[in-house]
Amino acid sequence: MLIAKLVSSVWATRKAESLNGLKFMLAEVIDGTKAGQRFIVVDIISAGIGDRVIVCTGSSARRMLGDDDIPVDAVVIGIVDDDCNLG
């Protein structure tokens, strides 16, 4: 899992049918050795731009969506409270 900050929304007018209805966002890692790295996440908990979030990656991310065959690498699974000392 990673701690990241949501930077912006990502829209794709054409995408794989299995991705329809998913909310995509650009996230930037804010803690650890990957700090500064940006990647696209699927937001299933209605987080917003500027939120610090917990991101699950890999096959665990696909399980959060209930489908191991969906082409997703990263899913937002939690919003970090403001009083944490992260990033």
N, C-alpha and C. Protein backbone atom coordinates (compact mmCIF):
# COMPACT_ATOMS: atom_id res chain seq x y z
N MET A 1 0.84 -1.18 0.00
CA MET A 1 0.00 0.00 0.00
C MET A 1 0.89 1.24 0.00
N LEU A 2 0.33 2.32 -0.54
CA LEU A 2 1.04 3.59 -0.65
C LEU A 2 0.21 4.71 -0.06
N ILE A 3 0.89 5.77 0.38
CA ILE A 3 0.22 7.00 0.77
C ILE A 3 0.44 7.98 -0.37
N ALA A 4 -0.65 8.55 -0.88
CA ALA A 4 -0.56 9.47 -2.03
C ALA A 4 -1.50 10.64 -1.83
N LYS A 5 -1.28 11.68 -2.63
CA LYS A 5 -2.18 12.84 -2.66
C LYS A 5 -2.83 12.86 -4.03
N LEU A 6 -4.15 13.06 -4.07
CA LEU A 6 -4.86 13.13 -5.34
C LEU A 6 -4.64 14.50 -5.96
N VAL A 7 -4.11 14.52 -7.18
CA VAL A 7 -3.68 15.74 -7.85
C VAL A 7 -4.76 16.29 -8.77
N SER A 8 -5.41 15.43 -9.54
CA SER A 8 -6.43 15.88 -10.47
C SER A 8 -7.28 14.70 -10.93
N SER A 9 -8.36 15.02 -11.61
CA SER A 9 -9.19 13.99 -12.22
C SER A 9 -8.63 13.64 -13.59
N VAL A 10 -8.91 12.43 -14.04
CA VAL A 10 -8.48 11.97 -15.35
C VAL A 10 -9.72 11.49 -16.10
N TRP A 11 -9.94 12.02 -17.30
CA TRP A 11 -11.07 11.60 -18.12
C TRP A 11 -10.56 10.87 -19.34
N ALA A 12 -11.23 9.81 -19.71
CA ALA A 12 -10.91 9.06 -20.92
C ALA A 12 -12.21 8.82 -21.68
N THR A 13 -12.34 9.44 -22.83
CA THR A 13 -13.57 9.28 -23.58
C THR A 13 -13.66 7.91 -24.23
N ARG A 14 -12.51 7.31 -24.52
CA ARG A 14 -12.48 5.94 -25.06
C ARG A 14 -11.63 5.10 -24.13
N LYS A 15 -12.19 3.98 -23.72
CA LYS A 15 -11.48 3.08 -22.83
C LYS A 15 -12.08 1.69 -22.93
N ALA A 16 -11.41 0.72 -22.34
CA ALA A 16 -11.93 -0.65 -22.33
C ALA A 16 -13.30 -0.65 -21.66
N GLU A 17 -14.22 -1.42 -22.20
CA GLU A 17 -15.59 -1.44 -21.70
C GLU A 17 -15.66 -1.79 -20.21
N SER A 18 -14.74 -2.63 -19.73
CA SER A 18 -14.75 -3.03 -18.32
C SER A 18 -14.42 -1.87 -17.38
N LEU A 19 -13.92 -0.75 -17.93
CA LEU A 19 -13.57 0.41 -17.12
C LEU A 19 -14.69 1.45 -17.06
N ASN A 20 -15.76 1.25 -17.81
CA ASN A 20 -16.87 2.20 -17.81
C ASN A 20 -17.44 2.33 -16.40
N GLY A 21 -17.73 3.57 -16.00
CA GLY A 21 -18.31 3.83 -14.70
C GLY A 21 -17.32 4.02 -13.57
N LEU A 22 -16.03 3.81 -13.84
CA LEU A 22 -15.01 4.00 -12.81
C LEU A 22 -14.48 5.43 -12.83
N LYS A 23 -14.18 5.98 -11.66
CA LYS A 23 -13.64 7.33 -11.51
C LYS A 23 -12.11 7.24 -11.45
N PHE A 24 -11.44 7.86 -12.43
CA PHE A 24 -9.98 7.87 -12.48
C PHE A 24 -9.43 9.17 -11.94
N MET A 25 -8.31 9.07 -11.22
CA MET A 25 -7.65 10.26 -10.69
C MET A 25 -6.14 10.10 -10.80
N LEU A 26 -5.45 11.24 -10.90
CA LEU A 26 -3.99 11.26 -10.90
C LEU A 26 -3.54 11.40 -9.45
N ALA A 27 -2.67 10.50 -9.01
CA ALA A 27 -2.18 10.51 -7.63
C ALA A 27 -0.67 10.66 -7.63
N GLU A 28 -0.15 11.31 -6.58
CA GLU A 28 1.30 11.46 -6.40
C GLU A 28 1.69 10.89 -5.05
N VAL A 29 2.64 9.96 -5.06
CA VAL A 29 3.11 9.34 -3.83
C VAL A 29 3.77 10.42 -2.96
N ILE A 30 3.42 10.45 -1.67
CA ILE A 30 3.97 11.48 -0.79
C ILE A 30 4.83 10.94 0.34
N ASP A 31 5.04 9.63 0.38
CA ASP A 31 5.82 9.05 1.46
C ASP A 31 6.65 7.89 0.94
N GLY A 32 7.83 7.71 1.50
CA GLY A 32 8.67 6.57 1.16
C GLY A 32 9.59 6.82 -0.01
N THR A 33 10.18 5.73 -0.51
CA THR A 33 11.18 5.83 -1.58
C THR A 33 10.59 6.22 -2.93
N LYS A 34 9.29 6.07 -3.09
CA LYS A 34 8.65 6.42 -4.37
C LYS A 34 8.03 7.82 -4.35
N ALA A 35 8.35 8.63 -3.33
CA ALA A 35 7.77 9.97 -3.20
C ALA A 35 7.98 10.76 -4.49
N GLY A 36 6.93 11.42 -4.95
CA GLY A 36 6.97 12.21 -6.17
C GLY A 36 6.50 11.47 -7.40
N GLN A 37 6.46 10.16 -7.35
CA GLN A 37 6.00 9.37 -8.49
C GLN A 37 4.50 9.57 -8.67
N ARG A 38 4.06 9.76 -9.92
CA ARG A 38 2.64 9.95 -10.22
C ARG A 38 2.11 8.75 -10.99
N PHE A 39 0.85 8.42 -10.73
CA PHE A 39 0.21 7.31 -11.40
C PHE A 39 -1.30 7.48 -11.35
N ILE A 40 -2.01 6.73 -12.17
CA ILE A 40 -3.47 6.82 -12.23
C ILE A 40 -4.07 5.77 -11.30
N VAL A 41 -5.08 6.20 -10.53
CA VAL A 41 -5.77 5.31 -9.61
C VAL A 41 -7.27 5.32 -9.91
N VAL A 42 -7.94 4.27 -9.48
CA VAL A 42 -9.40 4.24 -9.52
C VAL A 42 -9.88 4.61 -8.12
N ASP A 43 -10.79 5.58 -8.04
CA ASP A 43 -11.31 6.03 -6.75
C ASP A 43 -12.69 5.42 -6.52
N ILE A 44 -12.77 4.48 -5.56
CA ILE A 44 -14.04 3.82 -5.27
C ILE A 44 -14.71 4.36 -4.01
N ILE A 45 -14.08 5.36 -3.36
CA ILE A 45 -14.63 5.86 -2.10
C ILE A 45 -14.99 7.34 -2.15
N SER A 46 -15.01 7.92 -3.34
CA SER A 46 -15.37 9.33 -3.54
C SER A 46 -14.45 10.30 -2.83
N ALA A 47 -13.15 10.05 -2.92
CA ALA A 47 -12.17 11.01 -2.41
C ALA A 47 -12.12 12.19 -3.37
N GLY A 48 -11.45 13.25 -2.98
CA GLY A 48 -11.41 14.43 -3.83
C GLY A 48 -10.00 14.92 -4.07
N ILE A 49 -9.87 15.83 -5.02
CA ILE A 49 -8.57 16.43 -5.32
C ILE A 49 -8.02 17.07 -4.05
N GLY A 50 -6.75 16.81 -3.76
CA GLY A 50 -6.10 17.35 -2.57
C GLY A 50 -6.13 16.40 -1.38
N ASP A 51 -6.99 15.39 -1.42
CA ASP A 51 -7.04 14.42 -0.32
C ASP A 51 -5.79 13.56 -0.29
N ARG A 52 -5.34 13.26 0.92
CA ARG A 52 -4.28 12.26 1.09
C ARG A 52 -4.97 10.93 1.28
N VAL A 53 -4.53 9.93 0.52
CA VAL A 53 -5.25 8.66 0.46
C VAL A 53 -4.32 7.47 0.62
N ILE A 54 -4.93 6.35 0.97
CA ILE A 54 -4.24 5.06 0.99
C ILE A 54 -4.60 4.36 -0.31
N VAL A 55 -3.57 3.89 -1.02
CA VAL A 55 -3.76 3.25 -2.31
C VAL A 55 -3.29 1.80 -2.24
N CYS A 56 -4.14 0.92 -2.68
CA CYS A 56 -3.83 -0.50 -2.78
C CYS A 56 -3.43 -0.78 -4.24
N THR A 57 -2.39 -1.58 -4.45
CA THR A 57 -1.91 -1.82 -5.81
C THR A 57 -1.90 -3.31 -6.16
N GLY A 58 -1.74 -3.58 -7.44
CA GLY A 58 -1.59 -4.95 -7.93
C GLY A 58 -2.89 -5.75 -7.89
N SER A 59 -2.74 -7.05 -7.68
CA SER A 59 -3.92 -7.92 -7.70
C SER A 59 -4.89 -7.59 -6.58
N SER A 60 -4.39 -7.05 -5.48
CA SER A 60 -5.27 -6.64 -4.38
C SER A 60 -6.20 -5.52 -4.83
N ALA A 61 -5.71 -4.64 -5.69
CA ALA A 61 -6.54 -3.55 -6.22
C ALA A 61 -7.69 -4.12 -7.04
N ARG A 62 -7.40 -5.09 -7.87
CA ARG A 62 -8.45 -5.70 -8.69
C ARG A 62 -9.49 -6.40 -7.82
N ARG A 63 -9.06 -7.01 -6.73
CA ARG A 63 -10.00 -7.67 -5.83
C ARG A 63 -10.94 -6.65 -5.18
N MET A 64 -10.46 -5.44 -4.94
CA MET A 64 -11.32 -4.38 -4.38
C MET A 64 -12.47 -4.06 -5.33
N LEU A 65 -12.25 -4.27 -6.62
CA LEU A 65 -13.29 -4.02 -7.62
C LEU A 65 -14.15 -5.25 -7.87
N GLY A 66 -13.78 -6.38 -7.25
CA GLY A 66 -14.58 -7.59 -7.37
C GLY A 66 -14.39 -8.33 -8.67
N ASP A 67 -13.29 -8.04 -9.39
CA ASP A 67 -13.06 -8.68 -10.69
C ASP A 67 -11.57 -8.76 -10.96
N ASP A 68 -10.99 -9.94 -10.87
CA ASP A 68 -9.55 -10.11 -11.09
C ASP A 68 -9.14 -9.88 -12.54
N ASP A 69 -10.11 -9.82 -13.46
CA ASP A 69 -9.79 -9.65 -14.88
C ASP A 69 -9.81 -8.18 -15.33
N ILE A 70 -10.21 -7.26 -14.47
CA ILE A 70 -10.29 -5.85 -14.86
C ILE A 70 -8.87 -5.27 -14.91
N PRO A 71 -8.56 -4.47 -15.95
CA PRO A 71 -7.19 -3.96 -16.13
C PRO A 71 -6.90 -2.73 -15.27
N VAL A 72 -6.76 -2.94 -13.96
CA VAL A 72 -6.51 -1.85 -13.02
C VAL A 72 -5.33 -2.22 -12.12
N ASP A 73 -4.43 -1.26 -11.88
CA ASP A 73 -3.25 -1.48 -11.04
C ASP A 73 -3.40 -0.89 -9.64
N ALA A 74 -4.21 0.17 -9.49
CA ALA A 74 -4.22 0.90 -8.22
C ALA A 74 -5.63 1.41 -7.91
N VAL A 75 -6.03 1.26 -6.63
CA VAL A 75 -7.36 1.68 -6.19
C VAL A 75 -7.23 2.43 -4.87
N VAL A 76 -7.94 3.56 -4.75
CA VAL A 76 -8.00 4.30 -3.50
C VAL A 76 -8.91 3.53 -2.55
N ILE A 77 -8.38 3.19 -1.35
CA ILE A 77 -9.16 2.41 -0.39
C ILE A 77 -9.39 3.14 0.92
N GLY A 78 -8.78 4.32 1.10
CA GLY A 78 -8.98 5.06 2.34
C GLY A 78 -8.51 6.50 2.20
N ILE A 79 -9.11 7.38 3.01
CA ILE A 79 -8.69 8.78 3.07
C ILE A 79 -7.97 8.99 4.39
N VAL A 80 -6.76 9.56 4.33
CA VAL A 80 -5.94 9.79 5.51
C VAL A 80 -6.47 11.01 6.26
N ASP A 81 -6.62 10.90 7.59
CA ASP A 81 -7.06 12.02 8.41
C ASP A 81 -6.05 13.16 8.36
N ASP A 82 -6.55 14.39 8.45
CA ASP A 82 -5.69 15.57 8.38
C ASP A 82 -4.65 15.66 9.49
N ASP A 83 -4.91 15.02 10.62
CA ASP A 83 -3.97 15.17 11.73
C ASP A 83 -2.79 14.21 11.69
N CYS A 84 -2.65 13.45 10.64
CA CYS A 84 -1.50 12.56 10.50
C CYS A 84 -0.28 13.36 10.05
N ASN A 85 0.88 12.92 10.41
CA ASN A 85 2.13 13.59 10.03
C ASN A 85 2.75 12.95 8.81
N LEU A 86 2.06 13.00 7.70
CA LEU A 86 2.54 12.43 6.45
C LEU A 86 2.70 13.50 5.42
N GLY A 87 3.74 13.35 4.57
CA GLY A 87 3.97 14.22 3.42
C GLY A 87 3.69 15.62 3.70
